[in-house]
N, C-alpha and C. Protein backbone atom coordinates (compact mmCIF):
# COMPACT_ATOMS: atom_id res chain seq x y z
N UNK A 1 113.34 105.58 66.69
CA UNK A 1 111.99 105.14 66.44
C UNK A 1 111.45 104.44 67.68
N UNK A 2 110.32 104.89 68.16
CA UNK A 2 109.74 104.33 69.39
C UNK A 2 108.87 103.13 69.05
N UNK A 3 109.03 102.07 69.81
CA UNK A 3 108.22 100.87 69.61
C UNK A 3 106.98 101.00 70.47
N UNK A 4 105.81 100.84 69.86
CA UNK A 4 104.55 100.92 70.58
C UNK A 4 104.16 99.51 71.00
N UNK A 5 103.93 99.34 72.30
CA UNK A 5 103.58 98.03 72.82
C UNK A 5 102.07 97.94 72.98
N UNK A 6 101.51 96.82 72.58
CA UNK A 6 100.09 96.59 72.73
C UNK A 6 99.88 95.91 74.08
N UNK A 7 99.14 96.58 74.95
CA UNK A 7 98.90 96.06 76.29
C UNK A 7 97.43 95.74 76.46
N UNK A 8 97.13 94.84 77.38
CA UNK A 8 95.73 94.55 77.71
C UNK A 8 95.14 95.80 78.37
N UNK A 9 93.81 95.91 78.40
CA UNK A 9 93.19 97.09 79.03
C UNK A 9 93.65 97.30 80.48
N UNK A 10 93.81 96.23 81.22
CA UNK A 10 94.26 96.33 82.62
C UNK A 10 95.68 96.89 82.70
N UNK A 11 96.58 96.38 81.86
CA UNK A 11 97.96 96.86 81.88
C UNK A 11 98.06 98.28 81.33
N UNK A 12 97.21 98.61 80.37
CA UNK A 12 97.19 99.97 79.84
C UNK A 12 96.79 100.96 80.93
N UNK A 13 95.79 100.60 81.73
CA UNK A 13 95.37 101.47 82.84
C UNK A 13 96.48 101.57 83.88
N UNK A 14 97.16 100.47 84.14
CA UNK A 14 98.29 100.48 85.09
C UNK A 14 99.40 101.40 84.59
N UNK A 15 99.66 101.37 83.28
CA UNK A 15 100.68 102.24 82.70
C UNK A 15 100.28 103.71 82.81
N UNK A 16 99.01 104.01 82.57
CA UNK A 16 98.53 105.39 82.73
C UNK A 16 98.69 105.84 84.18
N UNK A 17 98.38 104.96 85.11
CA UNK A 17 98.48 105.30 86.53
C UNK A 17 99.92 105.58 86.93
N UNK A 18 100.85 104.72 86.56
CA UNK A 18 102.25 104.95 86.94
C UNK A 18 102.81 106.17 86.23
N UNK A 19 102.37 106.43 85.00
CA UNK A 19 102.82 107.62 84.28
C UNK A 19 102.39 108.88 85.01
N UNK A 20 101.14 108.94 85.43
CA UNK A 20 100.63 110.10 86.16
C UNK A 20 101.36 110.25 87.49
N UNK A 21 101.60 109.14 88.19
CA UNK A 21 102.30 109.20 89.47
C UNK A 21 103.71 109.75 89.29
N UNK A 22 104.41 109.31 88.26
CA UNK A 22 105.77 109.80 88.01
C UNK A 22 105.73 111.28 87.64
N UNK A 23 104.75 111.70 86.86
CA UNK A 23 104.64 113.12 86.50
C UNK A 23 104.43 113.99 87.74
N UNK A 24 103.54 113.57 88.62
CA UNK A 24 103.29 114.32 89.86
C UNK A 24 104.56 114.40 90.70
N UNK A 25 105.21 113.27 90.87
CA UNK A 25 106.43 113.21 91.68
C UNK A 25 107.53 114.09 91.09
N UNK A 26 107.77 113.96 89.80
CA UNK A 26 108.86 114.70 89.14
C UNK A 26 108.61 116.21 89.20
N UNK A 27 107.37 116.61 88.93
CA UNK A 27 107.03 118.03 88.93
C UNK A 27 107.29 118.66 90.30
N UNK A 28 107.05 117.91 91.37
CA UNK A 28 107.19 118.47 92.71
C UNK A 28 108.54 118.22 93.38
N UNK A 29 109.35 117.33 92.82
CA UNK A 29 110.65 117.03 93.43
C UNK A 29 111.85 117.45 92.60
N UNK A 30 111.69 117.57 91.32
CA UNK A 30 112.81 117.87 90.44
C UNK A 30 112.56 119.16 89.68
N UNK A 31 112.84 120.25 90.31
CA UNK A 31 112.66 121.57 89.68
C UNK A 31 113.78 121.78 88.67
N UNK A 32 113.46 121.59 87.41
CA UNK A 32 114.47 121.76 86.37
C UNK A 32 113.79 122.32 85.12
N UNK A 33 114.59 122.56 84.10
CA UNK A 33 114.04 123.06 82.84
C UNK A 33 113.07 122.05 82.24
N UNK A 34 113.35 120.77 82.42
CA UNK A 34 112.46 119.74 81.88
C UNK A 34 111.09 119.78 82.54
N UNK A 35 111.07 119.90 83.88
CA UNK A 35 109.78 119.92 84.56
C UNK A 35 109.03 121.21 84.28
N UNK A 36 109.75 122.31 84.05
CA UNK A 36 109.10 123.56 83.69
C UNK A 36 108.47 123.46 82.30
N UNK A 37 109.06 122.66 81.43
CA UNK A 37 108.54 122.46 80.08
C UNK A 37 107.48 121.35 80.06
N UNK A 38 107.07 120.91 81.24
CA UNK A 38 106.04 119.88 81.41
C UNK A 38 106.47 118.51 80.85
N UNK A 39 107.76 118.22 80.95
CA UNK A 39 108.28 116.90 80.61
C UNK A 39 108.99 116.35 81.83
N UNK A 40 109.38 115.10 81.77
CA UNK A 40 110.05 114.47 82.90
C UNK A 40 111.55 114.72 82.85
N UNK A 41 112.16 114.75 84.03
CA UNK A 41 113.62 114.83 84.09
C UNK A 41 114.20 113.49 83.61
N UNK A 42 115.49 113.46 83.42
CA UNK A 42 116.14 112.26 82.88
C UNK A 42 115.96 111.05 83.81
N UNK A 43 116.09 111.27 85.11
CA UNK A 43 115.96 110.18 86.08
C UNK A 43 114.55 109.58 86.07
N UNK A 44 113.55 110.44 86.11
CA UNK A 44 112.16 109.96 86.13
C UNK A 44 111.77 109.35 84.78
N UNK A 45 112.29 109.91 83.71
CA UNK A 45 112.03 109.37 82.38
C UNK A 45 112.60 107.95 82.26
N UNK A 46 113.79 107.75 82.80
CA UNK A 46 114.41 106.42 82.80
C UNK A 46 113.62 105.43 83.63
N UNK A 47 113.14 105.89 84.80
CA UNK A 47 112.33 105.02 85.65
C UNK A 47 111.04 104.62 84.94
N UNK A 48 110.38 105.59 84.29
CA UNK A 48 109.12 105.30 83.61
C UNK A 48 109.33 104.31 82.46
N UNK A 49 110.41 104.45 81.74
CA UNK A 49 110.71 103.51 80.66
C UNK A 49 110.94 102.10 81.23
N UNK A 50 111.62 102.01 82.36
CA UNK A 50 111.84 100.73 83.03
C UNK A 50 110.48 100.12 83.43
N UNK A 51 109.60 100.93 84.00
CA UNK A 51 108.27 100.46 84.42
C UNK A 51 107.46 99.97 83.21
N UNK A 52 107.56 100.69 82.10
CA UNK A 52 106.85 100.27 80.87
C UNK A 52 107.32 98.89 80.42
N UNK A 53 108.62 98.68 80.44
CA UNK A 53 109.16 97.38 80.01
C UNK A 53 108.70 96.27 80.94
N UNK A 54 108.69 96.54 82.24
CA UNK A 54 108.24 95.54 83.20
C UNK A 54 106.76 95.20 82.97
N UNK A 55 105.94 96.21 82.73
CA UNK A 55 104.52 95.97 82.48
C UNK A 55 104.30 95.18 81.20
N UNK A 56 105.07 95.50 80.17
CA UNK A 56 104.93 94.81 78.89
C UNK A 56 105.26 93.32 79.01
N UNK A 57 106.07 92.97 79.98
CA UNK A 57 106.47 91.57 80.16
C UNK A 57 105.80 90.92 81.38
N UNK A 58 104.76 91.55 81.90
CA UNK A 58 104.08 91.00 83.08
C UNK A 58 103.43 89.66 82.73
N UNK A 59 103.77 88.61 83.46
CA UNK A 59 103.21 87.29 83.15
C UNK A 59 101.73 87.16 83.53
N UNK A 60 101.21 88.05 84.36
CA UNK A 60 99.81 87.95 84.77
C UNK A 60 98.85 88.61 83.79
N UNK A 61 99.35 89.50 82.95
CA UNK A 61 98.55 90.19 81.93
C UNK A 61 97.28 90.79 82.53
N UNK A 62 96.12 90.38 82.04
CA UNK A 62 94.84 90.97 82.46
C UNK A 62 94.55 90.74 83.95
N UNK A 63 95.10 89.69 84.54
CA UNK A 63 94.85 89.40 85.96
C UNK A 63 95.89 90.03 86.87
N UNK A 64 96.69 90.94 86.35
CA UNK A 64 97.77 91.55 87.13
C UNK A 64 97.23 92.25 88.37
N UNK A 65 97.79 91.93 89.53
CA UNK A 65 97.44 92.69 90.74
C UNK A 65 98.29 93.97 90.78
N UNK A 66 98.04 94.82 91.73
CA UNK A 66 98.93 95.97 91.90
C UNK A 66 100.28 95.44 92.36
N UNK A 67 101.32 96.21 92.13
CA UNK A 67 102.67 95.76 92.47
C UNK A 67 102.81 95.40 93.95
N UNK A 68 102.13 96.14 94.81
CA UNK A 68 102.21 95.87 96.24
C UNK A 68 101.63 94.53 96.63
N UNK A 69 100.70 94.00 95.84
CA UNK A 69 100.06 92.72 96.14
C UNK A 69 100.61 91.57 95.31
N UNK A 70 101.57 91.85 94.46
CA UNK A 70 102.06 90.84 93.53
C UNK A 70 102.98 89.83 94.24
N UNK A 71 102.88 88.58 93.81
CA UNK A 71 103.73 87.53 94.38
C UNK A 71 105.09 87.48 93.70
N UNK A 72 105.20 88.12 92.55
CA UNK A 72 106.46 88.18 91.81
C UNK A 72 106.93 89.63 91.85
N UNK A 73 108.10 89.86 92.38
CA UNK A 73 108.63 91.23 92.40
C UNK A 73 109.64 91.35 91.28
N UNK A 74 109.18 91.90 90.15
CA UNK A 74 110.01 91.91 88.94
C UNK A 74 110.91 93.14 88.85
N UNK A 75 110.75 94.11 89.75
CA UNK A 75 111.62 95.30 89.73
C UNK A 75 112.92 94.98 90.46
N UNK A 76 114.01 95.56 89.99
CA UNK A 76 115.28 95.47 90.72
C UNK A 76 115.09 96.20 92.04
N UNK A 77 115.90 95.88 93.03
CA UNK A 77 115.75 96.46 94.37
C UNK A 77 115.78 97.99 94.34
N UNK A 78 116.71 98.59 93.59
CA UNK A 78 116.79 100.05 93.56
C UNK A 78 115.57 100.66 92.88
N UNK A 79 115.07 100.01 91.83
CA UNK A 79 113.88 100.50 91.14
C UNK A 79 112.63 100.28 91.98
N UNK A 80 112.62 99.19 92.75
CA UNK A 80 111.50 98.92 93.64
C UNK A 80 111.42 100.01 94.72
N UNK A 81 112.56 100.41 95.26
CA UNK A 81 112.59 101.47 96.26
C UNK A 81 112.13 102.79 95.65
N UNK A 82 112.56 103.08 94.42
CA UNK A 82 112.14 104.30 93.73
C UNK A 82 110.63 104.28 93.49
N UNK A 83 110.09 103.13 93.08
CA UNK A 83 108.65 103.01 92.84
C UNK A 83 107.87 103.27 94.12
N UNK A 84 108.32 102.72 95.24
CA UNK A 84 107.65 102.94 96.52
C UNK A 84 107.67 104.42 96.89
N UNK A 85 108.81 105.05 96.69
CA UNK A 85 108.95 106.47 97.00
C UNK A 85 107.98 107.30 96.15
N UNK A 86 107.92 107.02 94.88
CA UNK A 86 107.03 107.75 93.97
C UNK A 86 105.58 107.50 94.33
N UNK A 87 105.22 106.25 94.59
CA UNK A 87 103.82 105.92 94.87
C UNK A 87 103.36 106.47 96.21
N UNK A 88 104.23 106.45 97.21
CA UNK A 88 103.85 107.01 98.51
C UNK A 88 103.58 108.50 98.42
N UNK A 89 104.36 109.19 97.61
CA UNK A 89 104.16 110.63 97.46
C UNK A 89 102.95 110.92 96.57
N UNK A 90 102.87 110.26 95.43
CA UNK A 90 101.87 110.60 94.42
C UNK A 90 100.50 110.01 94.68
N UNK A 91 100.43 108.88 95.36
CA UNK A 91 99.15 108.21 95.59
C UNK A 91 98.08 109.11 96.17
N UNK A 92 98.32 109.74 97.32
CA UNK A 92 97.30 110.62 97.89
C UNK A 92 96.96 111.81 96.99
N UNK A 93 97.93 112.32 96.27
CA UNK A 93 97.70 113.48 95.40
C UNK A 93 96.89 113.11 94.16
N UNK A 94 96.89 111.84 93.81
CA UNK A 94 96.11 111.39 92.66
C UNK A 94 94.61 111.53 92.91
N UNK A 95 94.20 111.44 94.16
CA UNK A 95 92.78 111.59 94.47
C UNK A 95 92.26 112.95 94.02
N UNK A 96 93.09 113.98 94.05
CA UNK A 96 92.68 115.32 93.65
C UNK A 96 92.88 115.57 92.16
N UNK A 97 93.96 115.07 91.61
CA UNK A 97 94.29 115.37 90.20
C UNK A 97 93.71 114.38 89.21
N UNK A 98 93.63 113.12 89.60
CA UNK A 98 93.13 112.07 88.71
C UNK A 98 92.28 111.10 89.53
N UNK A 99 91.12 111.55 90.01
CA UNK A 99 90.33 110.72 90.93
C UNK A 99 89.87 109.39 90.34
N UNK A 100 89.55 109.34 89.06
CA UNK A 100 89.07 108.08 88.48
C UNK A 100 90.19 107.04 88.44
N UNK A 101 91.38 107.45 88.01
CA UNK A 101 92.52 106.52 88.02
C UNK A 101 92.83 106.08 89.45
N UNK A 102 92.75 107.01 90.40
CA UNK A 102 93.03 106.68 91.80
C UNK A 102 92.03 105.65 92.33
N UNK A 103 90.76 105.82 91.99
CA UNK A 103 89.73 104.88 92.45
C UNK A 103 89.95 103.51 91.83
N UNK A 104 90.24 103.47 90.53
CA UNK A 104 90.54 102.18 89.89
C UNK A 104 91.74 101.52 90.55
N UNK A 105 92.76 102.30 90.87
CA UNK A 105 93.96 101.74 91.51
C UNK A 105 93.61 101.18 92.90
N UNK A 106 92.78 101.89 93.64
CA UNK A 106 92.35 101.39 94.95
C UNK A 106 91.55 100.10 94.81
N UNK A 107 90.67 100.04 93.83
CA UNK A 107 89.89 98.82 93.60
C UNK A 107 90.80 97.67 93.18
N UNK A 108 91.75 97.96 92.29
CA UNK A 108 92.69 96.92 91.86
C UNK A 108 93.54 96.41 93.02
N UNK A 109 93.86 97.29 93.96
CA UNK A 109 94.70 96.89 95.09
C UNK A 109 93.97 95.94 96.05
N UNK A 110 92.66 95.87 95.94
CA UNK A 110 91.88 94.98 96.80
C UNK A 110 91.81 93.56 96.23
N UNK A 111 92.22 93.40 94.97
CA UNK A 111 92.19 92.08 94.34
C UNK A 111 93.37 91.25 94.82
N UNK A 112 93.14 89.97 94.97
CA UNK A 112 94.21 89.06 95.36
C UNK A 112 95.09 88.75 94.16
N UNK A 113 96.32 88.44 94.45
CA UNK A 113 97.27 88.06 93.40
C UNK A 113 96.96 86.65 92.93
N UNK A 114 97.00 86.43 91.60
CA UNK A 114 96.79 85.06 91.10
C UNK A 114 97.91 84.13 91.56
N UNK A 115 97.63 82.85 91.51
CA UNK A 115 98.63 81.84 91.85
C UNK A 115 99.78 81.93 90.86
N UNK A 116 101.02 82.11 91.33
CA UNK A 116 102.15 82.27 90.42
C UNK A 116 102.39 81.07 89.52
N UNK A 117 101.93 79.89 89.90
CA UNK A 117 102.15 78.72 89.06
C UNK A 117 101.29 78.76 87.80
N UNK A 118 100.25 79.60 87.79
CA UNK A 118 99.36 79.71 86.63
C UNK A 118 99.61 81.00 85.84
N UNK A 119 100.69 81.65 86.08
CA UNK A 119 100.91 82.97 85.50
C UNK A 119 101.10 82.98 83.99
N UNK A 120 101.49 81.87 83.40
CA UNK A 120 101.74 81.85 81.96
C UNK A 120 100.54 81.34 81.16
N UNK A 121 99.46 81.03 81.84
CA UNK A 121 98.27 80.56 81.14
C UNK A 121 97.48 81.75 80.62
N UNK A 122 97.08 81.70 79.38
CA UNK A 122 96.27 82.77 78.78
C UNK A 122 94.80 82.46 79.04
N UNK A 123 94.05 83.50 79.34
CA UNK A 123 92.61 83.33 79.57
C UNK A 123 91.84 84.11 78.55
């Protein structure tokens, strides 16, 4: 049984963005039966589930900056490297396949990270 997490609109958009990025990356790097069936391979599926959990527990919530601008690096080192690899490959390709998500991501990346000492305050 899958647990559905309720996310703020900002985190929901971030989840959609990372999901699309992982799909683009997996489709072009992991030629397997799973990618042919338009699903993710086991490795990418595991990474996406990890990213979902991290987003669900993000202390910044609605004020969350993009991961590259964040003052708190909540991903493990190996997952952080995987995220960079996926984002570097998929980011430019998102402009063609999902231009609206790409533009929102670019706009979000221009926002400054909130002060980490205020991260647990709800607004």
